Amino acid sequence: MSQSVVEVTAKDLQGPGVVACPNPKMELWSSHPKVYVDLSHEGEGRCPYCGTVYRLKAGEKLPSGH
């Protein structure tokens, strides 16, 4: 199975350091339940359902603070 990698920017975040999967750009966007993938650990996270890796684009920073 080939691994899909999606690069995201800070403006793509849908919460404090998270992105939603599946995302609207995916061909089968409704293929599994919506989950939030945490990027706060080293700027990368993997969807537990489809294995898509979400990676913060080079030079982008996660918002700081709570």
PDB file of N, CA and C in Angstrom:
ATOM      1  N   MET A   1       0.844  -1.192   0.000  1.00  0.00           N
ATOM      2  CA  MET A   1       0.000   0.000   0.000  1.00  0.00           C
ATOM      3  C   MET A   1       0.878   1.240   0.000  1.00  0.00           C
ATOM      4  N   SER A   2       0.637   2.138  -0.939  1.00  0.00           N
ATOM      5  CA  SER A   2       1.456   3.341  -1.004  1.00  0.00           C
ATOM      6  C   SER A   2       0.967   4.344   0.034  1.00  0.00           C
ATOM      7  N   GLN A   3       1.904   5.057   0.579  1.00  0.00           N
ATOM      8  CA  GLN A   3       1.600   6.013   1.640  1.00  0.00           C
ATOM      9  C   GLN A   3       1.352   7.383   1.035  1.00  0.00           C
ATOM     10  N   SER A   4       0.250   7.993   1.380  1.00  0.00           N
ATOM     11  CA  SER A   4      -0.072   9.327   0.914  1.00  0.00           C
ATOM     12  C   SER A   4       0.426  10.344   1.940  1.00  0.00           C
ATOM     13  N   VAL A   5       1.093  11.385   1.451  1.00  0.00           N
ATOM     14  CA  VAL A   5       1.576  12.442   2.322  1.00  0.00           C
ATOM     15  C   VAL A   5       0.930  13.747   1.880  1.00  0.00           C
ATOM     16  N   VAL A   6       0.319  14.446   2.831  1.00  0.00           N
ATOM     17  CA  VAL A   6      -0.323  15.723   2.554  1.00  0.00           C
ATOM     18  C   VAL A   6       0.419  16.792   3.340  1.00  0.00           C
ATOM     19  N   GLU A   7       0.953  17.790   2.628  1.00  0.00           N
ATOM     20  CA  GLU A   7       1.608  18.912   3.311  1.00  0.00           C
ATOM     21  C   GLU A   7       0.555  19.964   3.607  1.00  0.00           C
ATOM     22  N   VAL A   8       0.551  20.460   4.835  1.00  0.00           N
ATOM     23  CA  VAL A   8      -0.426  21.458   5.254  1.00  0.00           C
ATOM     24  C   VAL A   8       0.280  22.712   5.752  1.00  0.00           C
ATOM     25  N   THR A   9      -0.450  23.812   5.712  1.00  0.00           N
ATOM     26  CA  THR A   9       0.067  25.074   6.246  1.00  0.00           C
ATOM     27  C   THR A   9      -0.666  25.376   7.545  1.00  0.00           C
ATOM     28  N   ALA A  10      -0.187  26.348   8.266  1.00  0.00           N
ATOM     29  CA  ALA A  10      -0.814  26.721   9.532  1.00  0.00           C
ATOM     30  C   ALA A  10      -2.285  27.110   9.329  1.00  0.00           C
ATOM     31  N   LYS A  11      -2.615  27.701   8.181  1.00  0.00           N
ATOM     32  CA  LYS A  11      -4.010  28.105   7.940  1.00  0.00           C
ATOM     33  C   LYS A  11      -4.932  26.910   7.670  1.00  0.00           C
ATOM     34  N   ASP A  12      -4.356  25.745   7.368  1.00  0.00           N
ATOM     35  CA  ASP A  12      -5.157  24.536   7.156  1.00  0.00           C
ATOM     36  C   ASP A  12      -5.584  23.872   8.461  1.00  0.00           C
ATOM     37  N   LEU A  13      -4.988  24.278   9.565  1.00  0.00           N
ATOM     38  CA  LEU A  13      -5.297  23.671  10.860  1.00  0.00           C
ATOM     39  C   LEU A  13      -6.749  23.930  11.233  1.00  0.00           C
ATOM     40  N   GLN A  14      -7.385  22.936  11.831  1.00  0.00           N
ATOM     41  CA  GLN A  14      -8.791  23.050  12.198  1.00  0.00           C
ATOM     42  C   GLN A  14      -8.990  23.034  13.699  1.00  0.00           C
ATOM     43  N   GLY A  15      -7.950  23.321  14.400  1.00  0.00           N
ATOM     44  CA  GLY A  15      -7.959  23.351  15.851  1.00  0.00           C
ATOM     45  C   GLY A  15      -6.533  23.571  16.297  1.00  0.00           C
ATOM     46  N   PRO A  16      -6.256  23.462  17.580  1.00  0.00           N
ATOM     47  CA  PRO A  16      -4.900  23.692  18.083  1.00  0.00           C
ATOM     48  C   PRO A  16      -3.934  22.577  17.664  1.00  0.00           C
ATOM     49  N   GLY A  17      -3.346  22.734  16.481  1.00  0.00           N
ATOM     50  CA  GLY A  17      -2.360  21.772  16.003  1.00  0.00           C
ATOM     51  C   GLY A  17      -2.942  20.518  15.381  1.00  0.00           C
ATOM     52  N   VAL A  18      -4.185  20.579  14.894  1.00  0.00           N
ATOM     53  CA  VAL A  18      -4.804  19.393  14.299  1.00  0.00           C
ATOM     54  C   VAL A  18      -5.394  19.687  12.919  1.00  0.00           C
ATOM     55  N   VAL A  19      -5.466  18.643  12.097  1.00  0.00           N
ATOM     56  CA  VAL A  19      -6.155  18.695  10.812  1.00  0.00           C
ATOM     57  C   VAL A  19      -7.162  17.539  10.784  1.00  0.00           C
ATOM     58  N   ALA A  20      -8.191  17.688   9.971  1.00  0.00           N
ATOM     59  CA  ALA A  20      -9.213  16.645   9.861  1.00  0.00           C
ATOM     60  C   ALA A  20      -8.902  15.708   8.702  1.00  0.00           C
ATOM     61  N   CYS A  21      -9.175  14.446   8.905  1.00  0.00           N
ATOM     62  CA  CYS A  21      -9.060  13.442   7.852  1.00  0.00           C
ATOM     63  C   CYS A  21     -10.334  12.612   7.899  1.00  0.00           C
ATOM     64  N   PRO A  22     -10.948  12.304   6.771  1.00  0.00           N
ATOM     65  CA  PRO A  22     -10.515  12.676   5.432  1.00  0.00           C
ATOM     66  C   PRO A  22     -10.713  14.171   5.182  1.00  0.00           C
ATOM     67  N   ASN A  23      -9.884  14.713   4.292  1.00  0.00           N
ATOM     68  CA  ASN A  23     -10.016  16.128   3.979  1.00  0.00           C
ATOM     69  C   ASN A  23     -10.829  16.274   2.692  1.00  0.00           C
ATOM     70  N   PRO A  24     -11.420  17.441   2.457  1.00  0.00           N
ATOM     71  CA  PRO A  24     -12.311  17.624   1.301  1.00  0.00           C
ATOM     72  C   PRO A  24     -11.637  17.409  -0.057  1.00  0.00           C
ATOM     73  N   LYS A  25     -10.320  17.468  -0.119  1.00  0.00           N
ATOM     74  CA  LYS A  25      -9.631  17.281  -1.396  1.00  0.00           C
ATOM     75  C   LYS A  25      -9.446  15.806  -1.746  1.00  0.00           C
ATOM     76  N   MET A  26      -9.726  14.915  -0.812  1.00  0.00           N
ATOM     77  CA  MET A  26      -9.568  13.484  -1.077  1.00  0.00           C
ATOM     78  C   MET A  26     -10.676  12.994  -1.997  1.00  0.00           C
ATOM     79  N   GLU A  27     -10.315  12.083  -2.887  1.00  0.00           N
ATOM     80  CA  GLU A  27     -11.282  11.539  -3.836  1.00  0.00           C
ATOM     81  C   GLU A  27     -12.441  10.862  -3.110  1.00  0.00           C
ATOM     82  N   LEU A  28     -12.132  10.080  -2.104  1.00  0.00           N
ATOM     83  CA  LEU A  28     -13.164   9.400  -1.327  1.00  0.00           C
ATOM     84  C   LEU A  28     -13.241  10.031   0.057  1.00  0.00           C
ATOM     85  N   TRP A  29     -13.634  11.291   0.087  1.00  0.00           N
ATOM     86  CA  TRP A  29     -13.592  12.054   1.336  1.00  0.00           C
ATOM     87  C   TRP A  29     -14.489  11.478   2.421  1.00  0.00           C
ATOM     88  N   SER A  30     -15.447  10.659   2.037  1.00  0.00           N
ATOM     89  CA  SER A  30     -16.339  10.091   3.047  1.00  0.00           C
ATOM     90  C   SER A  30     -16.016   8.619   3.317  1.00  0.00           C
ATOM     91  N   SER A  31     -14.799   8.204   3.058  1.00  0.00           N
ATOM     92  CA  SER A  31     -14.442   6.784   3.152  1.00  0.00           C
ATOM     93  C   SER A  31     -14.271   6.271   4.578  1.00  0.00           C
ATOM     94  N   HIS A  32     -14.107   7.145   5.554  1.00  0.00           N
ATOM     95  CA  HIS A  32     -14.022   6.724   6.952  1.00  0.00           C
ATOM     96  C   HIS A  32     -14.506   7.850   7.849  1.00  0.00           C
ATOM     97  N   PRO A  33     -14.769   7.562   9.113  1.00  0.00           N
ATOM     98  CA  PRO A  33     -15.231   8.620  10.025  1.00  0.00           C
ATOM     99  C   PRO A  33     -14.208   9.750  10.126  1.00  0.00           C
ATOM    100  N   LYS A  34     -14.698  10.944  10.325  1.00  0.00           N
ATOM    101  CA  LYS A  34     -13.817  12.097  10.475  1.00  0.00           C
ATOM    102  C   LYS A  34     -13.025  11.982  11.774  1.00  0.00           C
ATOM    103  N   VAL A  35     -11.733  12.137  11.666  1.00  0.00           N
ATOM    104  CA  VAL A  35     -10.854  12.131  12.831  1.00  0.00           C
ATOM    105  C   VAL A  35      -9.944  13.341  12.742  1.00  0.00           C
ATOM    106  N   TYR A  36      -9.422  13.751  13.875  1.00  0.00           N
ATOM    107  CA  TYR A  36      -8.478  14.865  13.909  1.00  0.00           C
ATOM    108  C   TYR A  36      -7.084  14.306  14.168  1.00  0.00           C
ATOM    109  N   VAL A  37      -6.164  14.671  13.283  1.00  0.00           N
ATOM    110  CA  VAL A  37      -4.792  14.184  13.358  1.00  0.00           C
ATOM    111  C   VAL A  37      -3.938  15.266  13.999  1.00  0.00           C
ATOM    112  N   ASP A  38      -3.267  14.918  15.075  1.00  0.00           N
ATOM    113  CA  ASP A  38      -2.447  15.847  15.862  1.00  0.00           C
ATOM    114  C   ASP A  38      -1.082  16.026  15.216  1.00  0.00           C
ATOM    115  N   LEU A  39      -0.747  17.274  14.893  1.00  0.00           N
ATOM    116  CA  LEU A  39       0.545  17.582  14.276  1.00  0.00           C
ATOM    117  C   LEU A  39       1.517  18.219  15.261  1.00  0.00           C
ATOM    118  N   SER A  40       1.139  18.284  16.530  1.00  0.00           N
ATOM    119  CA  SER A  40       1.967  18.998  17.499  1.00  0.00           C
ATOM    120  C   SER A  40       3.255  18.257  17.869  1.00  0.00           C
ATOM    121  N   HIS A  41       3.364  16.995  17.483  1.00  0.00           N
ATOM    122  CA  HIS A  41       4.577  16.229  17.767  1.00  0.00           C
ATOM    123  C   HIS A  41       5.421  16.160  16.501  1.00  0.00           C
ATOM    124  N   GLU A  42       6.438  16.982  16.453  1.00  0.00           N
ATOM    125  CA  GLU A  42       7.369  17.018  15.325  1.00  0.00           C
ATOM    126  C   GLU A  42       6.724  17.448  14.012  1.00  0.00           C
ATOM    127  N   GLY A  43       5.565  18.104  14.074  1.00  0.00           N
ATOM    128  CA  GLY A  43       4.932  18.647  12.878  1.00  0.00           C
ATOM    129  C   GLY A  43       4.372  17.610  11.926  1.00  0.00           C
ATOM    130  N   GLU A  44       4.078  16.413  12.433  1.00  0.00           N
ATOM    131  CA  GLU A  44       3.603  15.347  11.569  1.00  0.00           C
ATOM    132  C   GLU A  44       2.671  14.419  12.331  1.00  0.00           C
ATOM    133  N   GLY A  45       1.698  13.864  11.626  1.00  0.00           N
ATOM    134  CA  GLY A  45       0.797  12.897  12.231  1.00  0.00           C
ATOM    135  C   GLY A  45       0.203  11.991  11.177  1.00  0.00           C
ATOM    136  N   ARG A  46      -0.283  10.828  11.588  1.00  0.00           N
ATOM    137  CA  ARG A  46      -0.831   9.832  10.662  1.00  0.00           C
ATOM    138  C   ARG A  46      -2.276   9.512  11.028  1.00  0.00           C
ATOM    139  N   CYS A  47      -3.118   9.420  10.011  1.00  0.00           N
ATOM    140  CA  CYS A  47      -4.512   9.028  10.216  1.00  0.00           C
ATOM    141  C   CYS A  47      -4.558   7.551  10.592  1.00  0.00           C
ATOM    142  N   PRO A  48      -5.247   7.216  11.693  1.00  0.00           N
ATOM    143  CA  PRO A  48      -5.314   5.816  12.105  1.00  0.00           C
ATOM    144  C   PRO A  48      -6.183   4.946  11.190  1.00  0.00           C
ATOM    145  N   TYR A  49      -7.036   5.566  10.376  1.00  0.00           N
ATOM    146  CA  TYR A  49      -7.910   4.801   9.479  1.00  0.00           C
ATOM    147  C   TYR A  49      -7.249   4.510   8.129  1.00  0.00           C
ATOM    148  N   CYS A  50      -6.790   5.549   7.437  1.00  0.00           N
ATOM    149  CA  CYS A  50      -6.305   5.350   6.065  1.00  0.00           C
ATOM    150  C   CYS A  50      -4.788   5.430   5.938  1.00  0.00           C
ATOM    151  N   GLY A  51      -4.094   5.849   7.006  1.00  0.00           N
ATOM    152  CA  GLY A  51      -2.639   5.903   6.966  1.00  0.00           C
ATOM    153  C   GLY A  51      -2.059   7.148   6.323  1.00  0.00           C
ATOM    154  N   THR A  52      -2.919   8.073   5.889  1.00  0.00           N
ATOM    155  CA  THR A  52      -2.416   9.310   5.291  1.00  0.00           C
ATOM    156  C   THR A  52      -1.576  10.053   6.316  1.00  0.00           C
ATOM    157  N   VAL A  53      -0.413  10.514   5.886  1.00  0.00           N
ATOM    158  CA  VAL A  53       0.475  11.285   6.753  1.00  0.00           C
ATOM    159  C   VAL A  53       0.237  12.765   6.459  1.00  0.00           C
ATOM    160  N   TYR A  54      -0.009  13.517   7.505  1.00  0.00           N
ATOM    161  CA  TYR A  54      -0.145  14.973   7.389  1.00  0.00           C
ATOM    162  C   TYR A  54       1.114  15.582   7.959  1.00  0.00           C
ATOM    163  N   ARG A  55       1.741  16.445   7.165  1.00  0.00           N
ATOM    164  CA  ARG A  55       3.023  17.033   7.557  1.00  0.00           C
ATOM    165  C   ARG A  55       2.946  18.546   7.382  1.00  0.00           C
ATOM    166  N   LEU A  56       3.403  19.254   8.395  1.00  0.00           N
ATOM    167  CA  LEU A  56       3.450  20.707   8.317  1.00  0.00           C
ATOM    168  C   LEU A  56       4.492  21.105   7.282  1.00  0.00           C
ATOM    169  N   LYS A  57       4.111  21.946   6.362  1.00  0.00           N
ATOM    170  CA  LYS A  57       4.992  22.392   5.285  1.00  0.00           C
ATOM    171  C   LYS A  57       6.236  23.076   5.862  1.00  0.00           C
ATOM    172  N   ALA A  58       7.364  22.900   5.208  1.00  0.00           N
ATOM    173  CA  ALA A  58       8.627  23.491   5.660  1.00  0.00           C
ATOM    174  C   ALA A  58       8.472  24.999   5.866  1.00  0.00           C
ATOM    175  N   GLY A  59       8.937  25.478   6.996  1.00  0.00           N
ATOM    176  CA  GLY A  59       8.870  26.895   7.313  1.00  0.00           C
ATOM    177  C   GLY A  59       7.608  27.317   8.043  1.00  0.00           C
ATOM    178  N   GLU A  60       6.595  26.461   8.066  1.00  0.00           N
ATOM    179  CA  GLU A  60       5.352  26.769   8.769  1.00  0.00           C
ATOM    180  C   GLU A  60       5.515  26.468  10.265  1.00  0.00           C
ATOM    181  N   LYS A  61       4.847  27.226  11.071  1.00  0.00           N
ATOM    182  CA  LYS A  61       4.906  27.049  12.517  1.00  0.00           C
ATOM    183  C   LYS A  61       3.501  26.804  13.064  1.00  0.00           C
ATOM    184  N   LEU A  62       3.413  25.918  14.042  1.00  0.00           N
ATOM    185  CA  LEU A  62       2.134  25.718  14.729  1.00  0.00           C
ATOM    186  C   LEU A  62       1.889  26.914  15.646  1.00  0.00           C
ATOM    187  N   PRO A  63       0.628  27.315  15.798  1.00  0.00           N
ATOM    188  CA  PRO A  63       0.322  28.395  16.733  1.00  0.00           C
ATOM    189  C   PRO A  63       0.774  28.003  18.135  1.00  0.00           C
ATOM    190  N   SER A  64       1.297  28.944  18.873  1.00  0.00           N
ATOM    191  CA  SER A  64       1.763  28.624  20.233  1.00  0.00           C
ATOM    192  C   SER A  64       0.760  29.126  21.263  1.00  0.00           C
ATOM    193  N   GLY A  65       0.886  28.602  22.450  1.00  0.00           N
ATOM    194  CA  GLY A  65       0.028  29.034  23.554  1.00  0.00           C
ATOM    195  C   GLY A  65      -1.246  28.231  23.640  1.00  0.00           C
ATOM    196  N   HIS A  66      -1.963  28.440  24.714  1.00  0.00           N
ATOM    197  CA  HIS A  66      -3.235  27.750  24.937  1.00  0.00           C
ATOM    198  C   HIS A  66      -4.335  28.752  25.111  1.00  0.00           C
TER     199      HIS A  66
END
